[in-house]
Amino acid sequence: MSDRHEHSHSQGHTHVHDHGHGHGRPRGLRHRMAHLLAPHSHETADKVDSALESSARGMRALWVSLAVLGVTALAQAVVVAVSGSVALLGDTVHNTADALTAVPLGIAFVLGRRAATRRFTYGYGRAEDLAGLVIVLTIAASAAFAGWTAVDRLLDPRPVAHVPVVAVAALVGFAGNEWVARYRIRVGRSIGSAALVADGLHARTDGFTSLAVLLGAGGSALGWQLADPIVGLLITAAIVLVLRDAAREVFRRVLDAVDPVLVDRAERALTEVPGVRGVGELRLRWIGHRLRAEVAVVVDGDATVREAHRITVDAEHALLHAVPRLTAALVHADPEPAPGESDPHLPLAHHVAA
């Protein structure tokens, strides 16, 4: 006997659970009474709130960081007009263009709010992963551009004019991009968005580019014209390191990788559910910045369908409380094997790929 349990609605999507409280499965008479007197709301609208709030925080991070980058680029543009610095002009254009990578990520956040359909039965959360790939490609282009510019300057050294003003503008560019990088990375990790983290790392590469202008200008002020291209090559190497981190973050998400700590936490929560005698296959996957779980639990082979269903409901509830950003879980009940009984899944064996 088996029982498949998943909340469903006419809209075609699963229950989305608000678990911002982030505590484990309720235990004890006092906690049970608290649930009765002030129960956690698991209605559809309330469950959607947590996921929508995550998307709203992501959008807010994009708007705020775009505003900061806009002011930074404007300040640099003013200095370019005054100094005529070609290096700073390139940095300004580079920062402005790269800031626009927030556009695909913003579109992804908007798409992620749409309800699942009969065609996109898991919703549109994976749009974030596509945006993350765009950002990784943009960082790679930034590294190639920075390296090409550095080599060109190495072959054709040119002096930097108005060094003090250019240095101040470069500092402004570095400070603005580093602030945006820290902000995006912090929010991205908070809401579980690998794409937003990658975009934060992207902003950090822009800061490195500005730093190259600053250090190159300093070297030029000391009469060393090769300072600018050499520093540019060093910054290119730094961008490649950032690219590695961003690519790892995004590609892991695309391949459905999760932190093993989350798997351990889910298994511990399930083993504490009354009636669960074992935990079988457990899978977690990210859909955008939301987690989804699929798990098989072992129950008493003599349990009725209603008893097994109650256990799967308790197991799902425990998972939603124990695993941060988990919004849906599909729990399958397997009967505890009896002596001499054949595997109940044997008829499915020929469907399993070799």
Protein backbone atom coordinates (compact mmCIF):
# COMPACT_ATOMS: atom_id res chain seq x y z
CA MET A 1 0.00 0.00 0.00
CA SER A 2 1.25 3.44 -0.78
CA ASP A 3 -0.08 6.93 -0.46
CA ARG A 4 0.91 9.94 -2.50
CA HIS A 5 0.30 13.27 -0.87
CA GLU A 6 0.51 16.70 -2.35
CA HIS A 7 -1.70 19.73 -1.86
CA SER A 8 -3.10 20.94 -5.14
CA HIS A 9 -5.37 23.70 -6.39
CA SER A 10 -7.45 24.44 -9.43
CA GLN A 11 -4.81 26.94 -10.53
CA GLY A 12 -2.48 23.99 -11.14
CA HIS A 13 0.19 24.81 -8.55
CA THR A 14 1.19 23.32 -5.25
CA HIS A 15 0.74 24.81 -1.84
CA VAL A 16 3.36 27.43 -1.08
CA HIS A 17 4.09 27.48 2.63
CA ASP A 18 5.08 30.51 4.64
CA HIS A 19 7.81 29.31 6.96
CA GLY A 20 9.64 32.47 7.75
CA HIS A 21 9.59 31.48 11.40
CA GLY A 22 12.22 28.86 10.52
CA HIS A 23 11.81 26.57 13.53
CA GLY A 24 11.66 22.80 13.66
CA ARG A 25 8.65 20.50 13.97
CA PRO A 26 6.36 21.57 16.86
CA ARG A 27 6.83 19.46 19.97
CA GLY A 28 5.19 19.38 23.36
CA LEU A 29 1.73 20.17 24.74
CA ARG A 30 2.50 23.88 25.06
CA HIS A 31 3.50 24.18 21.43
CA ARG A 32 0.49 22.17 20.28
CA MET A 33 -1.80 24.45 22.27
CA ALA A 34 -0.11 27.45 20.62
CA HIS A 35 -0.93 25.92 17.24
CA LEU A 36 -4.56 25.51 18.24
CA LEU A 37 -4.98 29.00 19.73
CA ALA A 38 -2.88 30.85 17.13
CA PRO A 39 -2.35 28.36 14.30
CA HIS A 40 0.12 28.85 11.49
CA SER A 41 -1.86 29.81 8.41
CA HIS A 42 -1.32 27.36 5.57
CA GLU A 43 -3.95 28.78 3.25
CA THR A 44 -2.83 29.31 -0.32
CA ALA A 45 -2.69 33.13 -0.15
CA ASP A 46 -0.61 33.07 3.04
CA LYS A 47 1.77 30.49 1.66
CA VAL A 48 2.38 32.55 -1.45
CA ASP A 49 3.28 35.60 0.66
CA SER A 50 6.72 34.31 1.67
CA ALA A 51 7.74 33.49 -1.90
CA LEU A 52 6.40 36.81 -3.19
CA GLU A 53 8.25 38.67 -0.44
CA SER A 54 11.49 37.01 -1.57
CA SER A 55 10.87 38.17 -5.13
CA ALA A 56 10.02 41.65 -3.87
CA ARG A 57 13.28 41.79 -1.91
CA GLY A 58 15.17 40.72 -5.02
CA MET A 59 13.49 43.42 -7.11
CA ARG A 60 14.19 46.01 -4.42
CA ALA A 61 17.86 45.02 -4.40
CA LEU A 62 17.99 45.45 -8.17
CA TRP A 63 16.35 48.90 -8.12
CA VAL A 64 18.49 50.22 -5.26
CA SER A 65 21.72 48.92 -6.78
CA LEU A 66 20.79 50.30 -10.20
CA ALA A 67 20.24 53.72 -8.64
CA VAL A 68 23.66 53.60 -6.95
CA LEU A 69 25.35 52.46 -10.16
CA GLY A 70 23.52 55.19 -12.10
CA VAL A 71 24.84 57.90 -9.79
CA THR A 72 28.33 56.36 -9.97
CA ALA A 73 28.33 56.31 -13.77
CA LEU A 74 27.01 59.88 -13.92
CA ALA A 75 29.80 61.12 -11.64
CA GLN A 76 32.37 59.35 -13.76
CA ALA A 77 30.87 60.79 -16.95
CA VAL A 78 31.27 64.32 -15.58
CA VAL A 79 34.95 63.67 -14.87
CA VAL A 80 35.38 62.19 -18.36
CA ALA A 81 34.00 65.41 -19.85
CA VAL A 82 36.44 67.48 -17.77
CA SER A 83 39.55 65.33 -18.08
CA GLY A 84 39.14 63.72 -21.47
CA SER A 85 40.47 60.46 -20.02
CA VAL A 86 39.98 57.64 -22.51
CA ALA A 87 40.64 55.03 -19.82
CA LEU A 88 37.97 56.45 -17.54
CA LEU A 89 35.58 56.77 -20.48
CA GLY A 90 35.99 53.06 -21.17
CA ASP A 91 35.39 52.28 -17.51
CA THR A 92 32.26 54.47 -17.44
CA VAL A 93 30.79 52.85 -20.54
CA HIS A 94 31.73 49.43 -19.16
CA ASN A 95 30.00 50.09 -15.83
CA THR A 96 26.88 51.47 -17.51
CA ALA A 97 26.54 48.57 -19.92
CA ASP A 98 27.17 45.95 -17.27
CA ALA A 99 24.62 47.53 -14.93
CA LEU A 100 22.01 46.60 -17.54
CA THR A 101 22.50 42.92 -16.72
CA ALA A 102 20.02 43.61 -13.94
CA VAL A 103 17.34 43.78 -16.65
CA PRO A 104 17.17 40.03 -17.42
CA LEU A 105 17.30 39.26 -13.70
CA GLY A 106 14.46 41.70 -13.05
CA ILE A 107 12.42 40.03 -15.80
CA ALA A 108 13.16 36.66 -14.20
CA PHE A 109 11.87 37.86 -10.81
CA VAL A 110 8.67 39.13 -12.45
CA LEU A 111 8.19 35.86 -14.34
CA GLY A 112 8.80 33.89 -11.15
CA ARG A 113 5.68 35.45 -9.60
CA ARG A 114 3.42 33.96 -12.26
CA ALA A 115 1.32 30.96 -11.32
CA ALA A 116 2.12 27.55 -12.75
CA THR A 117 0.23 26.50 -15.87
CA ARG A 118 -0.59 23.21 -17.57
CA ARG A 119 2.47 23.74 -19.77
CA PHE A 120 4.83 25.13 -17.11
CA THR A 121 3.65 22.92 -14.27
CA TYR A 122 6.51 23.94 -11.97
CA GLY A 123 6.03 27.64 -12.66
CA TYR A 124 8.58 30.05 -14.11
CA GLY A 125 11.19 30.09 -11.35
CA ARG A 126 13.86 28.61 -13.59
CA ALA A 127 13.95 31.92 -15.48
CA GLU A 128 16.35 33.02 -12.71
CA ASP A 129 18.81 30.32 -13.77
CA LEU A 130 18.68 31.55 -17.37
CA ALA A 131 19.36 35.10 -16.14
CA GLY A 132 22.27 33.73 -14.13
CA LEU A 133 23.76 32.19 -17.26
CA VAL A 134 23.47 35.57 -19.02
CA ILE A 135 25.31 37.20 -16.13
CA VAL A 136 28.09 34.56 -16.23
CA LEU A 137 28.54 35.16 -19.95
CA THR A 138 28.68 38.92 -19.32
CA ILE A 139 31.39 38.47 -16.68
CA ALA A 140 33.32 36.34 -19.18
CA ALA A 141 32.97 39.12 -21.76
CA SER A 142 34.18 41.63 -19.16
CA ALA A 143 37.28 39.54 -18.51
CA ALA A 144 37.97 39.28 -22.26
CA PHE A 145 37.46 43.02 -22.75
CA ALA A 146 39.67 43.93 -19.79
CA GLY A 147 42.42 41.58 -20.98
CA TRP A 148 42.26 42.84 -24.57
CA THR A 149 42.41 46.49 -23.40
CA ALA A 150 45.38 45.75 -21.13
CA VAL A 151 47.32 44.01 -23.91
CA ASP A 152 46.53 46.88 -26.30
CA ARG A 153 47.87 49.41 -23.78
CA LEU A 154 50.92 47.24 -23.18
CA LEU A 155 51.73 47.32 -26.90
CA ASP A 156 50.87 51.01 -27.25
CA PRO A 157 51.54 52.85 -23.93
CA ARG A 158 49.84 56.24 -23.51
CA PRO A 159 50.03 58.77 -20.69
CA VAL A 160 47.00 59.44 -18.47
CA ALA A 161 45.98 63.13 -18.25
CA HIS A 162 44.41 64.88 -15.23
CA VAL A 163 45.57 62.08 -12.98
CA PRO A 164 44.16 63.42 -9.65
CA VAL A 165 40.64 63.89 -11.03
CA VAL A 166 40.72 60.54 -12.80
CA ALA A 167 41.90 58.86 -9.59
CA VAL A 168 38.98 60.33 -7.62
CA ALA A 169 36.49 59.17 -10.27
CA ALA A 170 38.02 55.70 -10.25
CA LEU A 171 37.65 55.58 -6.46
CA VAL A 172 34.00 56.55 -6.81
CA GLY A 173 33.52 53.77 -9.36
CA PHE A 174 35.19 51.20 -7.14
CA ALA A 175 33.24 52.24 -4.02
CA GLY A 176 29.88 52.26 -5.82
CA ASN A 177 30.38 48.86 -7.41
CA GLU A 178 31.71 47.25 -4.23
CA TRP A 179 28.72 48.53 -2.23
CA VAL A 180 26.33 47.16 -4.86
CA ALA A 181 28.23 43.85 -4.90
CA ARG A 182 27.95 43.40 -1.14
CA TYR A 183 24.26 44.37 -1.16
CA ARG A 184 23.28 42.04 -4.00
CA ILE A 185 25.27 39.12 -2.62
CA ARG A 186 23.77 39.56 0.84
CA VAL A 187 20.18 39.72 -0.43
CA GLY A 188 20.79 36.95 -2.98
CA ARG A 189 22.03 34.56 -0.29
CA SER A 190 19.23 35.60 2.03
CA ILE A 191 16.47 34.76 -0.47
CA GLY A 192 18.32 31.85 -2.10
CA SER A 193 18.85 33.45 -5.51
CA ALA A 194 22.03 32.20 -7.19
CA ALA A 195 21.46 34.60 -10.08
CA LEU A 196 21.39 37.64 -7.78
CA VAL A 197 24.57 36.43 -6.07
CA ALA A 198 26.19 36.09 -9.49
CA ASP A 199 25.05 39.61 -10.37
CA GLY A 200 26.67 40.83 -7.16
CA LEU A 201 29.91 39.13 -8.13
CA HIS A 202 29.53 40.79 -11.52
CA ALA A 203 29.35 44.21 -9.85
CA ARG A 204 32.55 43.31 -8.03
CA THR A 205 34.30 42.78 -11.36
CA ASP A 206 33.23 46.30 -12.38
CA GLY A 207 34.81 47.58 -9.18
CA PHE A 208 38.03 45.81 -10.09
CA THR A 209 37.98 47.55 -13.47
CA SER A 210 37.66 50.93 -11.74
CA LEU A 211 40.48 49.98 -9.41
CA ALA A 212 42.64 49.24 -12.42
CA VAL A 213 42.06 52.79 -13.68
CA LEU A 214 43.04 54.15 -10.25
CA LEU A 215 46.22 52.11 -9.89
CA GLY A 216 47.18 52.71 -13.50
CA ALA A 217 46.73 56.46 -13.04
CA GLY A 218 48.91 56.33 -9.94
CA GLY A 219 51.65 54.54 -11.82
CA SER A 220 51.39 57.04 -14.67
CA ALA A 221 51.72 59.91 -12.19
CA LEU A 222 55.03 58.38 -11.15
CA GLY A 223 56.13 58.31 -14.78
CA TRP A 224 55.62 54.61 -15.37
CA GLN A 225 53.39 54.32 -18.44
CA LEU A 226 53.34 50.52 -18.33
CA ALA A 227 51.62 50.65 -14.93
CA ASP A 228 48.16 50.95 -16.51
CA PRO A 229 48.35 47.84 -18.75
CA ILE A 230 50.16 45.70 -16.19
CA VAL A 231 47.59 46.48 -13.51
CA GLY A 232 44.92 45.81 -16.14
CA LEU A 233 46.29 42.30 -16.65
CA LEU A 234 46.26 41.69 -12.88
CA ILE A 235 42.66 42.89 -12.68
CA THR A 236 41.77 40.58 -15.58
CA ALA A 237 43.10 37.67 -13.53
CA ALA A 238 40.97 38.83 -10.58
CA ILE A 239 37.88 38.96 -12.83
CA VAL A 240 38.58 35.40 -13.97
CA LEU A 241 38.55 34.29 -10.32
CA VAL A 242 35.22 36.05 -9.80
CA LEU A 243 33.95 34.40 -12.98
CA ARG A 244 34.87 31.00 -11.57
CA ASP A 245 32.87 31.65 -8.39
CA ALA A 246 29.85 33.00 -10.27
CA ALA A 247 29.87 30.15 -12.79
CA ARG A 248 30.11 27.56 -10.02
CA GLU A 249 27.16 29.18 -8.21
CA VAL A 250 24.96 29.29 -11.31
CA PHE A 251 25.93 25.95 -12.89
CA ARG A 252 25.36 24.11 -9.63
CA ARG A 253 21.87 25.59 -9.51
CA VAL A 254 21.20 24.62 -13.14
CA LEU A 255 22.26 21.05 -12.30
CA ASP A 256 19.88 20.95 -9.29
CA ALA A 257 22.68 20.95 -6.70
CA VAL A 258 21.76 21.75 -3.10
CA ASP A 259 23.74 22.17 0.09
CA PRO A 260 24.12 18.68 1.67
CA VAL A 261 23.38 20.32 5.03
CA LEU A 262 19.81 20.89 3.84
CA VAL A 263 19.47 17.19 3.00
CA ASP A 264 20.77 16.23 6.46
CA ARG A 265 18.34 18.67 8.09
CA ALA A 266 15.41 17.26 6.11
CA GLU A 267 16.32 13.67 7.02
CA ARG A 268 16.57 14.52 10.72
CA ALA A 269 13.18 16.24 10.66
CA LEU A 270 11.55 13.25 8.95
CA THR A 271 12.97 10.68 11.37
CA GLU A 272 11.36 12.59 14.25
CA VAL A 273 7.86 12.36 12.76
CA PRO A 274 5.68 9.84 14.64
CA GLY A 275 4.86 6.92 12.36
CA VAL A 276 7.88 7.35 10.07
CA ARG A 277 9.98 4.21 10.40
CA GLY A 278 12.54 5.09 7.77
CA VAL A 279 13.48 7.62 5.12
CA GLY A 280 14.00 6.41 1.59
CA GLU A 281 14.92 8.45 -1.45
CA LEU A 282 15.05 12.17 -0.66
CA ARG A 283 15.44 14.82 -3.35
CA LEU A 284 15.66 18.58 -3.09
CA ARG A 285 15.81 20.99 -6.00
CA TRP A 286 15.79 24.75 -6.47
CA ILE A 287 13.19 26.35 -8.71
CA GLY A 288 14.39 29.94 -8.84
CA HIS A 289 14.90 30.96 -5.22
CA ARG A 290 12.44 28.39 -3.85
CA LEU A 291 13.09 24.81 -2.79
CA ARG A 292 10.96 21.78 -3.60
CA ALA A 293 11.25 18.34 -1.97
CA GLU A 294 10.32 14.80 -3.03
CA VAL A 295 10.72 12.01 -0.51
CA ALA A 296 9.64 8.45 0.24
CA VAL A 297 9.04 7.51 3.89
CA VAL A 298 8.54 4.02 5.32
CA VAL A 299 5.40 3.47 7.41
CA ASP A 300 3.76 0.49 9.16
CA GLY A 301 2.71 -2.01 6.51
CA ASP A 302 -0.59 -2.58 8.31
CA ALA A 303 -1.48 1.12 8.48
CA THR A 304 -4.70 2.18 6.79
CA VAL A 305 -4.70 4.62 3.88
CA ARG A 306 -5.94 7.36 6.21
CA GLU A 307 -3.22 6.64 8.77
CA ALA A 308 -0.51 6.66 6.08
CA HIS A 309 -1.94 9.90 4.69
CA ARG A 310 -1.83 11.52 8.12
CA ILE A 311 1.82 10.50 8.49
CA THR A 312 2.72 11.99 5.10
CA VAL A 313 0.96 15.24 6.04
CA ASP A 314 2.94 15.38 9.29
CA ALA A 315 6.13 14.61 7.37
CA GLU A 316 5.46 17.41 4.88
CA HIS A 317 4.69 19.81 7.72
CA ALA A 318 7.95 18.90 9.45
CA LEU A 319 9.92 19.51 6.26
CA LEU A 320 8.33 22.91 5.69
CA HIS A 321 9.34 23.98 9.19
CA ALA A 322 12.83 22.47 9.11
CA VAL A 323 14.17 23.43 5.67
CA PRO A 324 14.55 27.16 4.90
CA ARG A 325 12.87 28.39 1.70
CA LEU A 326 11.13 25.05 1.11
CA THR A 327 7.73 25.87 -0.38
CA ALA A 328 6.39 22.49 -1.54
CA ALA A 329 6.93 18.83 -0.74
CA LEU A 330 5.68 15.60 -2.28
CA VAL A 331 5.73 12.76 0.26
CA HIS A 332 5.26 9.12 -0.78
CA ALA A 333 4.51 6.43 1.80
CA ASP A 334 6.09 2.98 1.39
CA PRO A 335 4.93 0.03 3.56
CA GLU A 336 7.51 -1.52 5.84
CA PRO A 337 8.54 -4.80 4.19
CA ALA A 338 7.20 -8.00 5.72
CA PRO A 339 9.33 -11.18 5.92
CA GLY A 340 9.28 -13.01 2.60
CA GLU A 341 7.37 -10.21 0.84
CA SER A 342 8.65 -9.17 -2.58
CA ASP A 343 9.59 -5.59 -3.31
CA PRO A 344 6.31 -3.74 -4.11
CA HIS A 345 8.21 -1.58 -6.61
CA LEU A 346 9.37 -4.60 -8.63
CA PRO A 347 6.85 -3.99 -11.48
CA LEU A 348 8.59 -0.66 -12.07
CA ALA A 349 12.08 -2.14 -12.36
CA HIS A 350 12.03 -2.45 -16.16
CA HIS A 351 11.27 1.27 -16.44
CA VAL A 352 14.47 2.27 -14.62
CA ALA A 353 17.23 3.30 -17.04
CA ALA A 354 20.37 1.19 -16.93
